Amino acid sequence: MKVLKLVNIGFGNMINAKRLISIVSPESAPIKRVIREAEDKKVLINATYGRRTRAVIIMDSGHVILSALQPETVANRLAERDENEEESDGE
């Protein structure tokens, strides 16, 4: 049975952890270019609820997701899910 692994990226928004490629900071010029190009292609998802973008999440589908959480916070939530799954698998 396939289990969908979701990670909270802030404000109750969830992403499929298995489709995630990277979580990066939005500060560099290349990442700003990635955001602009995703917006032009209509594959940008803004999940910041009007707050400052602190993490840019790149998905394997080509979608780019903006989050108001720090990249470290999203990564920690992803790691917590993995740890919880390993504990439940061992039972």
PDB file of N, CA and C in Angstrom:
ATOM      1  N   MET A   1       0.841  -1.183   0.000  1.00  0.00           N
ATOM      2  CA  MET A   1       0.000   0.000   0.000  1.00  0.00           C
ATOM      3  C   MET A   1       0.888   1.248   0.000  1.00  0.00           C
ATOM      4  N   LYS A   2       0.619   2.171  -0.915  1.00  0.00           N
ATOM      5  CA  LYS A   2       1.375   3.423  -0.955  1.00  0.00           C
ATOM      6  C   LYS A   2       0.819   4.390   0.084  1.00  0.00           C
ATOM      7  N   VAL A   3       1.739   4.971   0.841  1.00  0.00           N
ATOM      8  CA  VAL A   3       1.358   5.938   1.857  1.00  0.00           C
ATOM      9  C   VAL A   3       1.856   7.301   1.417  1.00  0.00           C
ATOM     10  N   LEU A   4       0.962   8.274   1.411  1.00  0.00           N
ATOM     11  CA  LEU A   4       1.316   9.635   1.037  1.00  0.00           C
ATOM     12  C   LEU A   4       1.986  10.301   2.233  1.00  0.00           C
ATOM     13  N   LYS A   5       3.216  10.755   2.056  1.00  0.00           N
ATOM     14  CA  LYS A   5       3.964  11.399   3.139  1.00  0.00           C
ATOM     15  C   LYS A   5       3.881  12.906   2.950  1.00  0.00           C
ATOM     16  N   LEU A   6       3.132  13.564   3.821  1.00  0.00           N
ATOM     17  CA  LEU A   6       2.929  15.005   3.728  1.00  0.00           C
ATOM     18  C   LEU A   6       3.755  15.730   4.778  1.00  0.00           C
ATOM     19  N   VAL A   7       4.252  16.906   4.401  1.00  0.00           N
ATOM     20  CA  VAL A   7       5.024  17.748   5.311  1.00  0.00           C
ATOM     21  C   VAL A   7       4.359  19.117   5.357  1.00  0.00           C
ATOM     22  N   ASN A   8       4.169  19.639   6.550  1.00  0.00           N
ATOM     23  CA  ASN A   8       3.564  20.958   6.734  1.00  0.00           C
ATOM     24  C   ASN A   8       4.600  22.029   6.383  1.00  0.00           C
ATOM     25  N   ILE A   9       4.240  22.927   5.463  1.00  0.00           N
ATOM     26  CA  ILE A   9       5.148  24.005   5.066  1.00  0.00           C
ATOM     27  C   ILE A   9       4.673  25.363   5.583  1.00  0.00           C
ATOM     28  N   GLY A  10       3.746  25.315   6.542  1.00  0.00           N
ATOM     29  CA  GLY A  10       3.256  26.540   7.163  1.00  0.00           C
ATOM     30  C   GLY A  10       1.806  26.821   6.847  1.00  0.00           C
ATOM     31  N   PHE A  11       1.091  27.331   7.843  1.00  0.00           N
ATOM     32  CA  PHE A  11      -0.303  27.734   7.719  1.00  0.00           C
ATOM     33  C   PHE A  11      -1.207  26.590   7.263  1.00  0.00           C
ATOM     34  N   GLY A  12      -0.863  25.374   7.658  1.00  0.00           N
ATOM     35  CA  GLY A  12      -1.678  24.216   7.320  1.00  0.00           C
ATOM     36  C   GLY A  12      -1.496  23.709   5.907  1.00  0.00           C
ATOM     37  N   ASN A  13      -0.560  24.274   5.166  1.00  0.00           N
ATOM     38  CA  ASN A  13      -0.292  23.820   3.803  1.00  0.00           C
ATOM     39  C   ASN A  13       0.666  22.638   3.845  1.00  0.00           C
ATOM     40  N   MET A  14       0.389  21.648   3.013  1.00  0.00           N
ATOM     41  CA  MET A  14       1.175  20.424   3.009  1.00  0.00           C
ATOM     42  C   MET A  14       1.712  20.144   1.608  1.00  0.00           C
ATOM     43  N   ILE A  15       2.886  19.491   1.574  1.00  0.00           N
ATOM     44  CA  ILE A  15       3.449  19.038   0.303  1.00  0.00           C
ATOM     45  C   ILE A  15       3.768  17.556   0.418  1.00  0.00           C
ATOM     46  N   ASN A  16       3.818  16.903  -0.727  1.00  0.00           N
ATOM     47  CA  ASN A  16       4.171  15.491  -0.779  1.00  0.00           C
ATOM     48  C   ASN A  16       5.688  15.379  -0.646  1.00  0.00           C
ATOM     49  N   ALA A  17       6.151  14.790   0.442  1.00  0.00           N
ATOM     50  CA  ALA A  17       7.588  14.709   0.737  1.00  0.00           C
ATOM     51  C   ALA A  17       8.345  13.914  -0.319  1.00  0.00           C
ATOM     52  N   LYS A  18       7.694  12.947  -0.925  1.00  0.00           N
ATOM     53  CA  LYS A  18       8.387  12.113  -1.918  1.00  0.00           C
ATOM     54  C   LYS A  18       8.638  12.848  -3.229  1.00  0.00           C
ATOM     55  N   ARG A  19       7.955  13.962  -3.467  1.00  0.00           N
ATOM     56  CA  ARG A  19       8.115  14.720  -4.712  1.00  0.00           C
ATOM     57  C   ARG A  19       9.059  15.908  -4.554  1.00  0.00           C
ATOM     58  N   LEU A  20       9.551  16.122  -3.329  1.00  0.00           N
ATOM     59  CA  LEU A  20      10.408  17.263  -3.027  1.00  0.00           C
ATOM     60  C   LEU A  20      11.832  17.016  -3.536  1.00  0.00           C
ATOM     61  N   ILE A  21      12.377  18.010  -4.235  1.00  0.00           N
ATOM     62  CA  ILE A  21      13.760  17.920  -4.704  1.00  0.00           C
ATOM     63  C   ILE A  21      14.686  18.719  -3.800  1.00  0.00           C
ATOM     64  N   SER A  22      14.316  19.991  -3.535  1.00  0.00           N
ATOM     65  CA  SER A  22      15.194  20.799  -2.687  1.00  0.00           C
ATOM     66  C   SER A  22      14.414  21.895  -1.970  1.00  0.00           C
ATOM     67  N   ILE A  23      15.023  22.376  -0.883  1.00  0.00           N
ATOM     68  CA  ILE A  23      14.506  23.507  -0.115  1.00  0.00           C
ATOM     69  C   ILE A  23      15.638  24.508  -0.047  1.00  0.00           C
ATOM     70  N   VAL A  24      15.440  25.693  -0.615  1.00  0.00           N
ATOM     71  CA  VAL A  24      16.520  26.679  -0.682  1.00  0.00           C
ATOM     72  C   VAL A  24      16.053  28.041  -0.186  1.00  0.00           C
ATOM     73  N   SER A  25      17.015  28.883   0.117  1.00  0.00           N
ATOM     74  CA  SER A  25      16.751  30.259   0.524  1.00  0.00           C
ATOM     75  C   SER A  25      16.473  31.108  -0.719  1.00  0.00           C
ATOM     76  N   PRO A  26      15.591  32.089  -0.630  1.00  0.00           N
ATOM     77  CA  PRO A  26      15.226  32.898  -1.796  1.00  0.00           C
ATOM     78  C   PRO A  26      16.165  34.077  -2.076  1.00  0.00           C
ATOM     79  N   GLU A  27      17.280  34.167  -1.372  1.00  0.00           N
ATOM     80  CA  GLU A  27      18.118  35.358  -1.424  1.00  0.00           C
ATOM     81  C   GLU A  27      18.978  35.494  -2.673  1.00  0.00           C
ATOM     82  N   SER A  28      19.402  34.403  -3.274  1.00  0.00           N
ATOM     83  CA  SER A  28      20.349  34.512  -4.387  1.00  0.00           C
ATOM     84  C   SER A  28      19.652  34.863  -5.705  1.00  0.00           C
ATOM     85  N   ALA A  29      20.416  35.471  -6.592  1.00  0.00           N
ATOM     86  CA  ALA A  29      19.881  35.869  -7.898  1.00  0.00           C
ATOM     87  C   ALA A  29      19.392  34.669  -8.717  1.00  0.00           C
ATOM     88  N   PRO A  30      20.107  33.535  -8.740  1.00  0.00           N
ATOM     89  CA  PRO A  30      19.597  32.389  -9.503  1.00  0.00           C
ATOM     90  C   PRO A  30      18.247  31.878  -8.986  1.00  0.00           C
ATOM     91  N   ILE A  31      18.050  31.887  -7.685  1.00  0.00           N
ATOM     92  CA  ILE A  31      16.768  31.429  -7.134  1.00  0.00           C
ATOM     93  C   ILE A  31      15.669  32.434  -7.446  1.00  0.00           C
ATOM     94  N   LYS A  32      15.992  33.712  -7.403  1.00  0.00           N
ATOM     95  CA  LYS A  32      15.007  34.732  -7.788  1.00  0.00           C
ATOM     96  C   LYS A  32      14.597  34.538  -9.247  1.00  0.00           C
ATOM     97  N   ARG A  33      15.554  34.142 -10.085  1.00  0.00           N
ATOM     98  CA  ARG A  33      15.260  33.865 -11.497  1.00  0.00           C
ATOM     99  C   ARG A  33      14.351  32.638 -11.623  1.00  0.00           C
ATOM    100  N   VAL A  34      14.620  31.612 -10.819  1.00  0.00           N
ATOM    101  CA  VAL A  34      13.778  30.407 -10.821  1.00  0.00           C
ATOM    102  C   VAL A  34      12.343  30.781 -10.453  1.00  0.00           C
ATOM    103  N   ILE A  35      12.180  31.647  -9.461  1.00  0.00           N
ATOM    104  CA  ILE A  35      10.845  32.081  -9.031  1.00  0.00           C
ATOM    105  C   ILE A  35      10.142  32.830 -10.159  1.00  0.00           C
ATOM    106  N   ARG A  36      10.854  33.759 -10.800  1.00  0.00           N
ATOM    107  CA  ARG A  36      10.258  34.523 -11.917  1.00  0.00           C
ATOM    108  C   ARG A  36       9.832  33.604 -13.057  1.00  0.00           C
ATOM    109  N   GLU A  37      10.700  32.655 -13.410  1.00  0.00           N
ATOM    110  CA  GLU A  37      10.395  31.737 -14.499  1.00  0.00           C
ATOM    111  C   GLU A  37       9.203  30.846 -14.154  1.00  0.00           C
ATOM    112  N   ALA A  38       9.115  30.404 -12.910  1.00  0.00           N
ATOM    113  CA  ALA A  38       7.974  29.579 -12.483  1.00  0.00           C
ATOM    114  C   ALA A  38       6.686  30.382 -12.543  1.00  0.00           C
ATOM    115  N   GLU A  39       6.762  31.656 -12.178  1.00  0.00           N
ATOM    116  CA  GLU A  39       5.578  32.508 -12.253  1.00  0.00           C
ATOM    117  C   GLU A  39       5.131  32.679 -13.705  1.00  0.00           C
ATOM    118  N   ASP A  40       6.089  32.882 -14.597  1.00  0.00           N
ATOM    119  CA  ASP A  40       5.769  33.012 -16.024  1.00  0.00           C
ATOM    120  C   ASP A  40       5.141  31.745 -16.583  1.00  0.00           C
ATOM    121  N   LYS A  41       5.614  30.575 -16.123  1.00  0.00           N
ATOM    122  CA  LYS A  41       5.103  29.285 -16.598  1.00  0.00           C
ATOM    123  C   LYS A  41       3.838  28.839 -15.870  1.00  0.00           C
ATOM    124  N   LYS A  42       3.405  29.635 -14.880  1.00  0.00           N
ATOM    125  CA  LYS A  42       2.216  29.332 -14.082  1.00  0.00           C
ATOM    126  C   LYS A  42       2.384  28.065 -13.237  1.00  0.00           C
ATOM    127  N   VAL A  43       3.593  27.831 -12.746  1.00  0.00           N
ATOM    128  CA  VAL A  43       3.845  26.691 -11.859  1.00  0.00           C
ATOM    129  C   VAL A  43       4.353  27.152 -10.491  1.00  0.00           C
ATOM    130  N   LEU A  44       4.135  28.429 -10.170  1.00  0.00           N
ATOM    131  CA  LEU A  44       4.526  28.975  -8.871  1.00  0.00           C
ATOM    132  C   LEU A  44       3.339  28.887  -7.921  1.00  0.00           C
ATOM    133  N   ILE A  45       3.580  28.361  -6.727  1.00  0.00           N
ATOM    134  CA  ILE A  45       2.552  28.279  -5.695  1.00  0.00           C
ATOM    135  C   ILE A  45       3.034  29.098  -4.509  1.00  0.00           C
ATOM    136  N   ASN A  46       2.294  30.143  -4.182  1.00  0.00           N
ATOM    137  CA  ASN A  46       2.675  31.025  -3.087  1.00  0.00           C
ATOM    138  C   ASN A  46       1.894  30.618  -1.841  1.00  0.00           C
ATOM    139  N   ALA A  47       2.579  30.007  -0.895  1.00  0.00           N
ATOM    140  CA  ALA A  47       1.954  29.551   0.348  1.00  0.00           C
ATOM    141  C   ALA A  47       2.420  30.394   1.532  1.00  0.00           C
ATOM    142  N   THR A  48       2.739  31.668   1.281  1.00  0.00           N
ATOM    143  CA  THR A  48       3.258  32.535   2.341  1.00  0.00           C
ATOM    144  C   THR A  48       2.170  33.297   3.087  1.00  0.00           C
ATOM    145  N   TYR A  49       0.964  33.335   2.545  1.00  0.00           N
ATOM    146  CA  TYR A  49      -0.142  34.094   3.145  1.00  0.00           C
ATOM    147  C   TYR A  49       0.251  35.554   3.364  1.00  0.00           C
ATOM    148  N   GLY A  50       0.962  36.116   2.398  1.00  0.00           N
ATOM    149  CA  GLY A  50       1.332  37.524   2.441  1.00  0.00           C
ATOM    150  C   GLY A  50       2.565  37.834   3.264  1.00  0.00           C
ATOM    151  N   ARG A  51       3.148  36.829   3.861  1.00  0.00           N
ATOM    152  CA  ARG A  51       4.352  37.059   4.661  1.00  0.00           C
ATOM    153  C   ARG A  51       5.600  36.959   3.781  1.00  0.00           C
ATOM    154  N   ARG A  52       6.717  37.291   4.359  1.00  0.00           N
ATOM    155  CA  ARG A  52       7.984  37.262   3.630  1.00  0.00           C
ATOM    156  C   ARG A  52       8.364  35.827   3.258  1.00  0.00           C
ATOM    157  N   THR A  53       8.820  35.640   2.037  1.00  0.00           N
ATOM    158  CA  THR A  53       9.258  34.323   1.585  1.00  0.00           C
ATOM    159  C   THR A  53      10.602  33.996   2.222  1.00  0.00           C
ATOM    160  N   ARG A  54      10.667  32.866   2.909  1.00  0.00           N
ATOM    161  CA  ARG A  54      11.910  32.463   3.562  1.00  0.00           C
ATOM    162  C   ARG A  54      12.450  31.155   3.024  1.00  0.00           C
ATOM    163  N   ALA A  55      11.591  30.386   2.338  1.00  0.00           N
ATOM    164  CA  ALA A  55      12.046  29.125   1.749  1.00  0.00           C
ATOM    165  C   ALA A  55      11.390  28.954   0.385  1.00  0.00           C
ATOM    166  N   VAL A  56      12.175  28.444  -0.545  1.00  0.00           N
ATOM    167  CA  VAL A  56      11.681  28.118  -1.879  1.00  0.00           C
ATOM    168  C   VAL A  56      11.824  26.608  -2.020  1.00  0.00           C
ATOM    169  N   ILE A  57      10.703  25.954  -2.294  1.00  0.00           N
ATOM    170  CA  ILE A  57      10.676  24.495  -2.369  1.00  0.00           C
ATOM    171  C   ILE A  57      10.513  24.106  -3.836  1.00  0.00           C
ATOM    172  N   ILE A  58      11.454  23.305  -4.320  1.00  0.00           N
ATOM    173  CA  ILE A  58      11.439  22.854  -5.707  1.00  0.00           C
ATOM    174  C   ILE A  58      10.915  21.420  -5.726  1.00  0.00           C
ATOM    175  N   MET A  59       9.892  21.180  -6.540  1.00  0.00           N
ATOM    176  CA  MET A  59       9.290  19.857  -6.633  1.00  0.00           C
ATOM    177  C   MET A  59       9.711  19.179  -7.937  1.00  0.00           C
ATOM    178  N   ASP A  60       9.618  17.858  -7.969  1.00  0.00           N
ATOM    179  CA  ASP A  60      10.022  17.121  -9.166  1.00  0.00           C
ATOM    180  C   ASP A  60       9.080  17.345 -10.349  1.00  0.00           C
ATOM    181  N   SER A  61       7.915  17.896 -10.105  1.00  0.00           N
ATOM    182  CA  SER A  61       6.951  18.189 -11.163  1.00  0.00           C
ATOM    183  C   SER A  61       7.265  19.506 -11.868  1.00  0.00           C
ATOM    184  N   GLY A  62       8.259  20.244 -11.345  1.00  0.00           N
ATOM    185  CA  GLY A  62       8.590  21.551 -11.896  1.00  0.00           C
ATOM    186  C   GLY A  62       7.936  22.689 -11.144  1.00  0.00           C
ATOM    187  N   HIS A  63       7.044  22.364 -10.217  1.00  0.00           N
ATOM    188  CA  HIS A  63       6.404  23.400  -9.415  1.00  0.00           C
ATOM    189  C   HIS A  63       7.405  23.997  -8.429  1.00  0.00           C
ATOM    190  N   VAL A  64       7.228  25.280  -8.182  1.00  0.00           N
ATOM    191  CA  VAL A  64       8.049  26.002  -7.216  1.00  0.00           C
ATOM    192  C   VAL A  64       7.087  26.550  -6.163  1.00  0.00           C
ATOM    193  N   ILE A  65       7.358  26.239  -4.901  1.00  0.00           N
ATOM    194  CA  ILE A  65       6.469  26.625  -3.810  1.00  0.00           C
ATOM    195  C   ILE A  65       7.199  27.584  -2.890  1.00  0.00           C
ATOM    196  N   LEU A  66       6.536  28.690  -2.570  1.00  0.00           N
ATOM    197  CA  LEU A  66       7.096  29.679  -1.649  1.00  0.00           C
ATOM    198  C   LEU A  66       6.500  29.455  -0.273  1.00  0.00           C
ATOM    199  N   SER A  67       7.355  29.453   0.749  1.00  0.00           N
ATOM    200  CA  SER A  67       6.915  29.253   2.124  1.00  0.00           C
ATOM    201  C   SER A  67       7.465  30.364   3.014  1.00  0.00           C
ATOM    202  N   ALA A  68       6.711  30.702   4.051  1.00  0.00           N
ATOM    203  CA  ALA A  68       7.150  31.708   5.009  1.00  0.00           C
ATOM    204  C   ALA A  68       8.021  31.095   6.108  1.00  0.00           C
ATOM    205  N   LEU A  69       8.184  29.769   6.095  1.00  0.00           N
ATOM    206  CA  LEU A  69       9.047  29.114   7.077  1.00  0.00           C
ATOM    207  C   LEU A  69      10.492  29.111   6.602  1.00  0.00           C
ATOM    208  N   GLN A  70      11.419  29.064   7.550  1.00  0.00           N
ATOM    209  CA  GLN A  70      12.837  28.945   7.220  1.00  0.00           C
ATOM    210  C   GLN A  70      13.096  27.582   6.583  1.00  0.00           C
ATOM    211  N   PRO A  71      14.061  27.479   5.652  1.00  0.00           N
ATOM    212  CA  PRO A  71      14.377  26.177   5.064  1.00  0.00           C
ATOM    213  C   PRO A  71      14.706  25.121   6.119  1.00  0.00           C
ATOM    214  N   GLU A  72      15.402  25.517   7.188  1.00  0.00           N
ATOM    215  CA  GLU A  72      15.765  24.589   8.251  1.00  0.00           C
ATOM    216  C   GLU A  72      14.524  24.031   8.951  1.00  0.00           C
ATOM    217  N   THR A  73      13.516  24.877   9.125  1.00  0.00           N
ATOM    218  CA  THR A  73      12.277  24.443   9.777  1.00  0.00           C
ATOM    219  C   THR A  73      11.576  23.385   8.942  1.00  0.00           C
ATOM    220  N   VAL A  74      11.484  23.619   7.636  1.00  0.00           N
ATOM    221  CA  VAL A  74      10.849  22.636   6.747  1.00  0.00           C
ATOM    222  C   VAL A  74      11.650  21.340   6.755  1.00  0.00           C
ATOM    223  N   ALA A  75      12.971  21.447   6.689  1.00  0.00           N
ATOM    224  CA  ALA A  75      13.828  20.259   6.697  1.00  0.00           C
ATOM    225  C   ALA A  75      13.673  19.486   8.009  1.00  0.00           C
ATOM    226  N   ASN A  76      13.589  20.202   9.127  1.00  0.00           N
ATOM    227  CA  ASN A  76      13.400  19.533  10.419  1.00  0.00           C
ATOM    228  C   ASN A  76      12.064  18.799  10.476  1.00  0.00           C
ATOM    229  N   ARG A  77      11.029  19.407   9.930  1.00  0.00           N
ATOM    230  CA  ARG A  77       9.721  18.753   9.904  1.00  0.00           C
ATOM    231  C   ARG A  77       9.762  17.501   9.037  1.00  0.00           C
ATOM    232  N   LEU A  78      10.504  17.575   7.960  1.00  0.00           N
ATOM    233  CA  LEU A  78      10.666  16.408   7.085  1.00  0.00           C
ATOM    234  C   LEU A  78      11.424  15.301   7.819  1.00  0.00           C
ATOM    235  N   ALA A  79      12.467  15.665   8.535  1.00  0.00           N
ATOM    236  CA  ALA A  79      13.261  14.692   9.285  1.00  0.00           C
ATOM    237  C   ALA A  79      12.437  14.071  10.415  1.00  0.00           C
ATOM    238  N   GLU A  80      11.604  14.873  11.075  1.00  0.00           N
ATOM    239  CA  GLU A  80      10.747  14.355  12.145  1.00  0.00           C
ATOM    240  C   GLU A  80       9.785  13.311  11.612  1.00  0.00           C
ATOM    241  N   ARG A  81       9.241  13.554  10.428  1.00  0.00           N
ATOM    242  CA  ARG A  81       8.325  12.588   9.817  1.00  0.00           C
ATOM    243  C   ARG A  81       9.052  11.277   9.557  1.00  0.00           C
ATOM    244  N   ASP A  82      10.283  11.370   9.043  1.00  0.00           N
ATOM    245  CA  ASP A  82      11.058  10.162   8.764  1.00  0.00           C
ATOM    246  C   ASP A  82      11.334   9.379  10.047  1.00  0.00           C
ATOM    247  N   GLU A  83      11.692  10.079  11.116  1.00  0.00           N
ATOM    248  CA  GLU A  83      11.969   9.420  12.393  1.00  0.00           C
ATOM    249  C   GLU A  83      10.717   8.746  12.935  1.00  0.00           C
ATOM    250  N   ASN A  84       9.590   9.436  12.857  1.00  0.00           N
ATOM    251  CA  ASN A  84       8.331   8.867  13.356  1.00  0.00           C
ATOM    252  C   ASN A  84       7.933   7.627  12.569  1.00  0.00           C
ATOM    253  N   GLU A  85       8.177   7.635  11.264  1.00  0.00           N
ATOM    254  CA  GLU A  85       7.835   6.490  10.436  1.00  0.00           C
ATOM    255  C   GLU A  85       8.732   5.302  10.750  1.00  0.00           C
ATOM    256  N   GLU A  86      10.015   5.568  10.993  1.00  0.00           N
ATOM    257  CA  GLU A  86      10.940   4.486  11.339  1.00  0.00           C
ATOM    258  C   GLU A  86      10.547   3.840  12.659  1.00  0.00           C
ATOM    259  N   GLU A  87      10.119   4.656  13.632  1.00  0.00           N
ATOM    260  CA  GLU A  87       9.684   4.126  14.928  1.00  0.00           C
ATOM    261  C   GLU A  87       8.447   3.271  14.764  1.00  0.00           C
ATOM    262  N   SER A  88       7.488   3.706  13.963  1.00  0.00           N
ATOM    263  CA  SER A  88       6.252   2.952  13.782  1.00  0.00           C
ATOM    264  C   SER A  88       6.480   1.690  12.957  1.00  0.00           C
ATOM    265  N   ASP A  89       7.474   1.708  12.059  1.00  0.00           N
ATOM    266  CA  ASP A  89       7.787   0.511  11.277  1.00  0.00           C
ATOM    267  C   ASP A  89       8.395  -0.575  12.160  1.00  0.00           C
ATOM    268  N   GLY A  90       9.135  -0.175  13.190  1.00  0.00           N
ATOM    269  CA  GLY A  90       9.815  -1.110  14.057  1.00  0.00           C
ATOM    270  C   GLY A  90       8.901  -1.787  15.058  1.00  0.00           C
ATOM    271  N   GLU A  91       7.687  -1.314  15.212  1.00  0.00           N
ATOM    272  CA  GLU A  91       6.753  -1.892  16.198  1.00  0.00           C
ATOM    273  C   GLU A  91       6.119  -3.156  15.710  1.00  0.00           C
TER     274      GLU A  91
END
